Protein backbone atom coordinates (compact mmCIF):
# COMPACT_ATOMS: atom_id res chain seq x y z
CA MET A 1 -56.66 141.33 99.02
CA LYS A 2 -54.47 144.10 100.85
CA ILE A 3 -56.00 147.64 100.77
CA PRO A 4 -54.48 150.85 101.98
CA PHE A 5 -56.23 153.57 104.11
CA SER A 6 -55.20 156.64 101.75
CA PRO A 7 -52.44 156.51 98.88
CA PRO A 8 -51.83 159.63 96.76
CA ASP A 9 -53.38 159.67 93.35
CA ILE A 10 -50.19 160.34 91.05
CA GLY A 11 -50.35 159.71 87.26
CA GLN A 12 -48.08 160.07 84.22
CA ALA A 13 -49.47 163.95 84.02
CA GLU A 14 -48.02 164.72 87.49
CA ILE A 15 -44.82 162.78 86.73
CA ASP A 16 -44.45 164.56 83.38
CA ALA A 17 -44.72 168.02 84.81
CA VAL A 18 -42.28 167.27 87.84
CA VAL A 19 -39.68 166.35 85.30
CA GLU A 20 -40.35 169.48 82.85
CA THR A 21 -39.95 171.43 86.11
CA LEU A 22 -36.67 169.42 87.24
CA LYS A 23 -35.58 170.28 83.62
CA SER A 24 -35.96 173.80 83.77
CA SER A 25 -33.93 176.69 85.25
CA TRP A 26 -36.23 177.13 88.08
CA ILE A 27 -37.04 174.48 90.87
CA THR A 28 -37.66 176.39 93.91
CA THR A 29 -40.20 178.97 94.48
CA GLY A 30 -40.92 180.58 90.89
CA PRO A 31 -43.51 181.15 88.32
CA LYS A 32 -45.14 177.64 88.99
CA THR A 33 -46.13 178.48 92.56
CA GLU A 34 -47.51 181.39 91.77
CA GLN A 35 -49.48 180.39 89.07
CA LEU A 36 -50.90 177.56 91.46
CA SER A 37 -51.33 180.23 94.05
CA GLN A 38 -53.74 182.14 91.69
CA LYS A 39 -55.80 178.92 90.87
CA VAL A 40 -56.27 177.96 94.38
CA ALA A 41 -57.30 181.76 94.63
CA GLN A 42 -59.98 181.36 91.58
CA CYS A 43 -61.28 178.05 92.99
CA CYS A 44 -61.70 179.60 96.41
CA HIS A 45 -63.49 182.65 94.66
CA VAL A 46 -61.20 185.01 96.44
CA PRO A 47 -58.81 187.41 95.05
CA TYR A 48 -55.72 186.08 96.10
CA ALA A 49 -54.35 183.32 97.93
CA ALA A 50 -50.65 182.19 99.06
CA CYS A 51 -49.04 178.69 98.74
CA MET A 52 -46.67 177.32 101.34
CA ASN A 53 -45.17 174.26 102.34
CA SER A 54 -47.82 173.16 104.76
CA ALA A 55 -51.07 174.00 106.06
CA THR A 56 -49.38 174.50 109.12
CA ALA A 57 -47.45 177.31 107.97
CA CYS A 58 -50.16 178.74 106.63
CA HIS A 59 -52.46 178.39 109.31
CA GLU A 60 -49.46 180.05 111.67
CA MET A 61 -48.94 182.93 109.21
CA SER A 62 -52.18 184.11 109.42
CA LEU A 63 -52.00 184.41 113.43
CA ARG A 64 -48.88 186.46 112.65
CA LEU A 65 -50.30 188.38 109.75
CA LEU A 66 -53.05 189.26 112.53
CA GLY A 67 -50.21 190.17 115.01
CA ILE A 68 -51.33 187.56 117.71
CA GLY A 69 -48.75 186.92 120.19
CA SER A 70 -48.14 186.76 124.11
CA GLY A 71 -51.15 187.20 126.33
CA ASP A 72 -53.55 186.51 123.59
CA GLU A 73 -56.29 184.30 123.57
CA VAL A 74 -57.13 181.93 120.80
CA ILE A 75 -59.94 179.32 120.77
CA VAL A 76 -59.89 176.21 119.26
CA PRO A 77 -62.02 172.88 119.04
CA ALA A 78 -60.82 169.82 121.07
CA TYR A 79 -61.84 167.69 118.19
CA THR A 80 -59.01 167.88 115.82
CA TYR A 81 -55.05 167.31 114.87
CA THR A 82 -52.48 169.12 116.89
CA ALA A 83 -51.97 171.83 114.05
CA SER A 84 -55.04 173.84 114.62
CA ALA A 85 -53.79 174.30 118.35
CA SER A 86 -49.86 174.00 118.05
CA VAL A 87 -49.28 177.06 116.36
CA ILE A 88 -51.13 178.93 118.78
CA GLU A 89 -48.54 178.16 121.17
CA HIS A 90 -45.85 178.95 118.04
CA VAL A 91 -46.77 182.65 118.58
CA GLY A 92 -46.68 182.56 121.89
CA ALA A 93 -50.71 182.85 122.64
CA VAL A 94 -53.05 180.80 124.89
CA PRO A 95 -54.70 178.11 123.24
CA VAL A 96 -58.52 178.04 124.53
CA ILE A 97 -59.85 174.67 123.76
CA VAL A 98 -63.70 174.15 123.72
CA ASP A 99 -65.85 171.30 123.14
CA VAL A 100 -67.63 170.45 119.94
CA GLU A 101 -71.30 170.44 119.43
CA LYS A 102 -73.23 167.03 120.64
CA GLY A 103 -73.32 164.24 118.09
CA THR A 104 -71.12 166.44 115.57
CA PHE A 105 -67.36 167.00 114.80
CA HIS A 106 -67.98 170.58 114.65
CA ILE A 107 -66.84 173.18 117.15
CA SER A 108 -69.88 173.92 119.76
CA TYR A 109 -70.75 177.40 119.10
CA GLU A 110 -72.37 177.84 122.76
CA GLU A 111 -69.16 176.95 123.90
CA VAL A 112 -67.33 179.61 121.90
CA LEU A 113 -69.73 182.11 122.98
CA LYS A 114 -68.93 181.31 126.40
CA ALA A 115 -65.03 181.18 125.88
CA ILE A 116 -64.75 184.93 124.35
CA THR A 117 -62.93 187.17 126.95
CA PRO A 118 -61.47 190.73 126.30
CA LYS A 119 -58.07 188.52 125.42
CA THR A 120 -59.97 186.79 122.73
CA LYS A 121 -58.33 187.66 119.44
CA ALA A 122 -59.31 184.67 116.94
CA ILE A 123 -61.74 181.52 116.75
CA VAL A 124 -60.24 178.58 114.97
CA ALA A 125 -62.91 176.32 113.48
CA VAL A 126 -62.28 173.03 111.80
CA ASP A 127 -63.97 171.42 108.89
CA LEU A 128 -63.19 168.10 109.95
CA GLY A 129 -63.51 165.59 106.92
CA GLY A 130 -64.21 168.18 104.53
CA VAL A 131 -67.62 169.34 105.87
CA LEU A 132 -67.86 172.80 106.15
CA CYS A 133 -68.60 174.43 109.67
CA ASP A 134 -71.35 177.32 110.05
CA TYR A 135 -69.13 180.47 109.57
CA ASP A 136 -72.15 182.70 109.36
CA LYS A 137 -72.94 181.71 112.93
CA LEU A 138 -69.21 182.16 113.89
CA LEU A 139 -68.97 185.62 112.46
CA GLU A 140 -72.50 186.43 114.11
CA ILE A 141 -70.43 185.37 117.03
CA ALA A 142 -67.73 187.42 116.68
CA GLU A 143 -69.67 190.67 115.64
CA SER A 144 -71.72 190.23 118.99
CA LYS A 145 -68.49 190.40 121.20
CA LYS A 146 -67.03 193.29 119.01
CA ASP A 147 -67.68 195.71 122.27
CA ILE A 148 -65.07 193.79 124.19
CA PHE A 149 -62.60 193.58 121.20
CA THR A 150 -59.17 195.41 121.32
CA PRO A 151 -57.36 195.18 118.47
CA SER A 152 -53.65 194.88 118.60
CA ASN A 153 -52.60 195.57 115.00
CA ASP A 154 -53.79 197.35 111.91
CA ILE A 155 -55.38 194.21 110.38
CA GLN A 156 -57.19 193.54 113.46
CA LYS A 157 -58.34 196.97 113.58
CA ALA A 158 -59.72 196.76 110.17
CA ILE A 159 -61.39 193.64 110.75
CA GLY A 160 -62.92 195.30 113.79
CA ARG A 161 -63.71 192.02 115.69
CA ILE A 162 -62.48 188.47 116.79
CA ALA A 163 -60.73 186.87 113.55
CA VAL A 164 -62.51 183.90 112.50
CA ILE A 165 -60.14 181.61 111.33
CA ALA A 166 -60.93 178.20 109.24
CA ASP A 167 -58.58 175.43 109.31
CA GLY A 168 -59.66 173.82 106.37
CA ALA A 169 -56.84 171.33 105.75
CA HIS A 170 -59.49 169.14 104.51
CA SER A 171 -62.37 171.06 102.78
CA PHE A 172 -60.22 172.39 99.82
CA LEU A 173 -63.12 172.73 97.24
CA ALA A 174 -66.06 172.07 99.99
CA GLU A 175 -69.21 174.42 99.06
CA ARG A 176 -72.80 175.22 100.41
CA LYS A 177 -75.61 175.16 98.65
CA ASP A 178 -75.62 178.94 98.14
CA GLY A 179 -72.21 178.03 96.15
CA LYS A 180 -70.39 179.71 98.32
CA ARG A 181 -66.83 177.69 99.10
CA SER A 182 -64.42 176.98 101.48
CA GLY A 183 -61.73 179.96 101.62
CA GLU A 184 -64.27 182.62 101.00
CA LEU A 185 -66.15 182.08 104.50
CA ALA A 186 -63.71 182.68 107.24
CA ASP A 187 -61.45 185.65 107.39
CA PHE A 188 -58.52 183.72 106.71
CA THR A 189 -58.47 179.69 105.58
CA SER A 190 -55.70 177.43 105.47
CA PHE A 191 -55.44 174.24 103.35
CA SER A 192 -53.46 171.18 103.30
CA PHE A 193 -52.21 169.46 99.94
CA HIS A 194 -50.22 166.74 101.91
CA ALA A 195 -49.99 163.31 100.38
CA VAL A 196 -53.16 161.88 102.03
CA LYS A 197 -55.48 164.88 100.79
CA ASN A 198 -57.69 165.03 98.06
CA PHE A 199 -55.82 167.33 96.34
CA THR A 200 -52.15 166.81 96.80
CA THR A 201 -48.92 168.60 96.23
CA ALA A 202 -46.98 165.89 98.11
CA GLU A 203 -46.08 168.55 101.11
CA GLY A 204 -47.72 171.97 100.85
CA GLY A 205 -50.61 174.14 101.71
CA ALA A 206 -52.16 177.76 100.69
CA LEU A 207 -53.85 180.39 102.60
CA ALA A 208 -56.71 182.27 101.54
CA TRP A 209 -58.31 185.43 103.06
CA LYS A 210 -61.26 187.45 102.19
CA PRO A 211 -60.42 190.98 101.24
CA ILE A 212 -59.99 193.63 104.21
CA LYS A 213 -61.54 196.90 103.92
CA GLY A 214 -58.54 199.21 103.48
CA PHE A 215 -56.01 196.72 103.01
CA ASP A 216 -54.32 195.80 99.34
CA GLY A 217 -54.53 192.15 98.79
CA LYS A 218 -51.26 192.39 96.99
CA ASP A 219 -49.59 193.89 100.05
CA ILE A 220 -50.95 191.36 102.16
CA LYS A 221 -49.62 188.56 99.99
CA LYS A 222 -45.90 190.21 99.45
CA THR A 223 -46.03 190.22 103.27
CA LEU A 224 -46.89 186.48 103.22
CA ALA A 225 -44.02 185.91 100.68
CA LEU A 226 -41.51 187.75 102.85
CA LEU A 227 -42.87 186.02 105.80
CA ALA A 228 -42.42 182.71 104.44
CA CYS A 229 -38.88 183.15 103.09
CA HIS A 230 -36.78 184.61 105.83
CA GLY A 231 -38.15 188.16 105.31
CA GLN A 232 -35.86 188.64 102.56
CA ASP A 233 -36.81 191.33 99.91
CA ARG A 234 -34.89 191.25 96.97
CA GLY A 235 -36.80 193.93 95.53
CA PHE A 236 -33.90 196.27 94.14
CA LYS A 237 -33.40 197.38 90.47
CA PRO A 238 -30.04 196.38 88.97
CA ASP A 239 -29.54 200.06 87.70
CA GLY A 240 -30.53 201.74 91.21
CA GLU A 241 -28.61 203.13 93.75
CA LYS A 242 -27.64 199.56 95.56
CA PRO A 243 -25.70 196.88 93.71
CA PHE A 244 -28.02 194.20 91.64
CA TRP A 245 -27.07 191.53 94.20
CA GLU A 246 -28.37 193.68 97.10
CA TYR A 247 -31.43 192.42 99.31
CA ASP A 248 -32.64 193.44 102.63
CA ILE A 249 -33.97 191.53 105.34
CA VAL A 250 -37.34 193.27 106.64
CA TYR A 251 -38.92 190.68 108.82
CA THR A 252 -36.91 187.86 110.83
CA GLY A 253 -39.12 185.75 109.01
CA TYR A 254 -39.44 181.60 108.18
CA LYS A 255 -38.78 178.91 105.91
CA HIS A 256 -42.06 177.99 104.48
CA ASN A 257 -42.21 178.38 100.92
CA MET A 258 -43.50 176.18 98.26
CA THR A 259 -41.23 174.82 95.52
CA ASP A 260 -42.18 174.78 92.10
CA ILE A 261 -41.48 170.97 91.89
CA LEU A 262 -44.31 170.80 94.48
CA ALA A 263 -46.66 173.41 92.54
CA SER A 264 -45.88 171.52 89.09
CA ILE A 265 -47.83 168.79 91.06
CA GLY A 266 -50.60 170.58 92.48
CA LEU A 267 -51.10 172.45 88.66
CA VAL A 268 -51.88 168.93 87.44
CA GLN A 269 -54.16 168.03 90.21
CA ILE A 270 -55.96 171.15 90.17
CA ASP A 271 -57.12 170.59 86.60
CA ARG A 272 -58.21 166.66 87.53
CA ALA A 273 -60.33 168.34 90.51
CA ASP A 274 -63.61 167.58 89.15
CA GLU A 275 -62.58 163.99 88.20
CA ILE A 276 -60.99 163.34 91.54
CA LEU A 277 -64.58 164.80 93.55
CA SER A 278 -66.54 162.73 91.05
CA LYS A 279 -64.94 159.62 91.93
CA ARG A 280 -64.88 160.26 95.49
CA ARG A 281 -68.48 160.88 95.68
CA TYR A 282 -68.84 157.65 93.79
CA ILE A 283 -67.55 155.76 96.54
CA VAL A 284 -69.18 157.45 99.25
CA ASP A 285 -72.69 156.78 97.65
CA ARG A 286 -71.43 153.30 96.96
CA TYR A 287 -70.77 153.06 100.97
CA ASN A 288 -73.63 155.16 102.10
CA LYS A 289 -75.92 152.80 100.24
CA ALA A 290 -74.38 149.65 101.47
CA PHE A 291 -74.26 150.82 105.21
CA SER A 292 -77.15 152.59 106.01
CA GLU A 293 -79.43 150.05 107.21
CA ILE A 294 -77.06 148.30 108.93
CA GLU A 295 -78.14 148.73 112.55
CA GLY A 296 -75.76 150.07 115.18
CA VAL A 297 -73.52 152.19 112.60
CA GLU A 298 -74.25 155.82 112.09
CA ILE A 299 -72.86 157.29 109.16
CA LEU A 300 -71.05 160.76 109.62
CA ASN A 301 -70.50 162.64 106.46
CA HIS A 302 -73.87 164.78 106.07
CA PHE A 303 -73.68 165.11 102.67
CA ASP A 304 -77.25 165.99 102.36
CA THR A 305 -77.00 169.42 104.25
CA ILE A 306 -73.97 170.71 102.84
CA GLY A 307 -71.34 170.40 99.97
CA SER A 308 -68.08 168.02 101.54
CA SER A 309 -64.91 167.70 99.71
CA MET A 310 -65.11 164.11 100.91
CA HIS A 311 -62.05 163.85 102.78
CA LEU A 312 -63.26 161.39 105.18
CA TYR A 313 -65.44 158.40 105.19
CA MET A 314 -66.23 158.62 108.96
CA VAL A 315 -68.54 156.10 111.08
CA ARG A 316 -69.49 155.27 114.53
CA PHE A 317 -70.98 152.20 116.49
CA SER A 318 -73.75 153.43 118.36
CA ASP A 319 -73.52 152.69 122.31
CA LYS A 320 -69.80 151.23 121.81
CA GLY A 321 -66.38 152.33 123.29
CA GLU A 322 -63.08 152.38 122.52
CA ASP A 323 -62.32 148.46 123.24
CA PHE A 324 -64.84 147.42 120.72
CA ARG A 325 -63.69 150.34 118.19
CA ASN A 326 -60.15 148.90 118.46
CA GLU A 327 -60.98 145.10 118.10
CA PHE A 328 -63.16 146.13 114.74
CA MET A 329 -60.11 147.76 113.27
CA ASP A 330 -58.06 145.13 114.06
CA ARG A 331 -60.20 142.61 112.65
CA MET A 332 -60.53 144.68 109.37
CA LEU A 333 -56.81 144.85 109.02
CA ALA A 334 -56.59 141.15 109.45
CA LYS A 335 -58.74 140.81 106.65
CA GLY A 336 -56.66 143.16 104.51
CA VAL A 337 -58.52 146.35 105.03
CA ALA A 338 -56.55 149.39 106.21
CA THR A 339 -58.81 151.79 108.75
CA ASN A 340 -57.85 155.02 110.80
CA VAL A 341 -59.36 156.96 113.59
CA HIS A 342 -59.89 161.00 113.13
CA TYR A 343 -58.87 161.93 115.61
CA LYS A 344 -57.88 161.65 119.00
CA PRO A 345 -59.16 164.75 120.87
CA LEU A 346 -56.45 167.26 122.14
CA PRO A 347 -56.87 166.68 125.78
CA LEU A 348 -55.62 163.10 125.45
CA HIS A 349 -52.48 163.80 124.26
CA THR A 350 -49.62 164.18 126.31
CA ALA A 351 -48.49 167.47 125.33
CA TYR A 352 -51.98 169.24 126.10
CA LYS A 353 -52.32 167.42 129.27
CA LYS A 354 -49.06 169.23 130.50
CA LEU A 355 -50.89 172.49 129.49
CA GLY A 356 -53.57 171.46 132.05
CA PHE A 357 -56.51 170.00 129.92
CA ASP A 358 -58.42 167.14 131.16
CA ILE A 359 -60.74 165.29 128.29
CA SER A 360 -63.26 164.66 131.25
CA GLU A 361 -64.04 168.68 130.47
CA TYR A 362 -64.89 167.57 126.73
CA PRO A 363 -67.85 164.79 127.17
CA ASN A 364 -68.98 165.81 123.40
CA ALA A 365 -65.53 165.38 121.75
CA TYR A 366 -64.87 162.05 124.07
CA GLU A 367 -68.25 160.60 122.82
CA MET A 368 -67.46 161.23 119.24
CA TYR A 369 -63.84 159.96 119.11
CA LYS A 370 -64.05 156.35 121.38
CA ASN A 371 -66.09 154.45 118.45
CA GLU A 372 -65.37 156.66 115.35
CA VAL A 373 -63.61 154.58 112.54
CA SER A 374 -62.39 156.11 108.98
CA LEU A 375 -62.62 153.61 106.08
CA PRO A 376 -60.51 153.82 102.69
CA LEU A 377 -61.50 156.68 100.79
CA PHE A 378 -59.09 157.34 97.78
CA THR A 379 -59.57 157.66 94.03
CA LEU A 380 -57.47 154.53 93.40
CA LEU A 381 -59.88 152.32 94.57
CA THR A 382 -61.11 149.86 92.15
CA ASP A 383 -64.88 148.62 92.13
CA GLU A 384 -63.45 145.09 92.94
CA GLN A 385 -61.63 146.91 95.94
CA ILE A 386 -64.74 148.64 97.18
CA ASP A 387 -66.91 145.68 96.90
CA TYR A 388 -64.27 144.05 99.02
CA ILE A 389 -64.40 146.78 101.79
CA ILE A 390 -67.88 146.87 101.70
CA GLU A 391 -68.15 142.72 102.12
CA LYS A 392 -65.52 143.06 104.97
CA PHE A 393 -67.56 145.80 106.61
CA LYS A 394 -70.44 143.98 106.85
CA GLU A 395 -69.11 140.65 107.85
CA THR A 396 -67.41 142.40 110.70
CA CYS A 397 -70.35 143.84 111.82
CA LYS A 398 -72.20 140.83 111.67
CA GLU A 399 -69.55 139.31 113.85
CA MET A 400 -69.43 141.94 116.39
CA LEU A 401 -72.72 144.03 116.60
């Protein structure tokens, strides 16, 4: 049996929706993109959201909305994918990388507090695997430092403190016990709808934000739309003083817009959200039951404490290192089961080493990384395949532990 790591769940309904859009008179950004943006906002319990062509674009646009740039500092955890930090460089700011909490993949709240300076403009937290960070604690930290915070644009001034940004690439539809969802917890939250995510538009993402006092959400959404499409404003009436074809470039913007072709996939996927999450939880429950009593295996999903979106099923091997982990993955692959690692901490990558970061300064992140393995978790898995993964995982554990 050959089992891939995470193929997309695309059915006939998604295919039909794409065909319908292709046959329509509008295939780029249009009504379906707007409809999906509205549905994402509803899912996040916020008034507005904006779909774009990637979570990375959404994350960067949140920094640009906040006016973050040269001389500013943005705190980000070591344990994440590069997109969480690279956009900080893109806007000209300085990434300040901090360690994670010992024994977790979440940013260390103590390290965040220590890293804040008068130059700090934002804190980026990462909901790794779909498990929500403690945003109440992060907002509390930001509030505690408001006396040294100097805003550099009107949105920052309205927020009145360091902004808290959620990298929710993995956490769309994740929900706390109090019913609050990813998207309404941080000031800004970026979501990924990439092909391997729980909810997909093939490529794409969305930015959600909490209401900001003194700012109309419609105006923020319009600004995002302009930033995401070259800053081009076609809001001139044909019967006005200017010709009907006229347009203006109000920002030197970017090319981050989502297309209606992609949005048509998302509109079907969002209607299937309960079905998708139910299947993922079923697989997780099967894995948890099978692996919970294997000595030396630590399950890392923490579903009992918070409503994960179940993007990843992550395990660690107690007291083992990279060589053990890599051999384990090789053996699983030889048996037909693809696994993965989420993630190499940023300071292990060449780009971040060149910026002066050293993994020795992030011991908790390295400890979490060195023996982590992610198992296949996708809705197309059959019971037969789940049985096979469990069998081969147990068999490999018996061989090596």
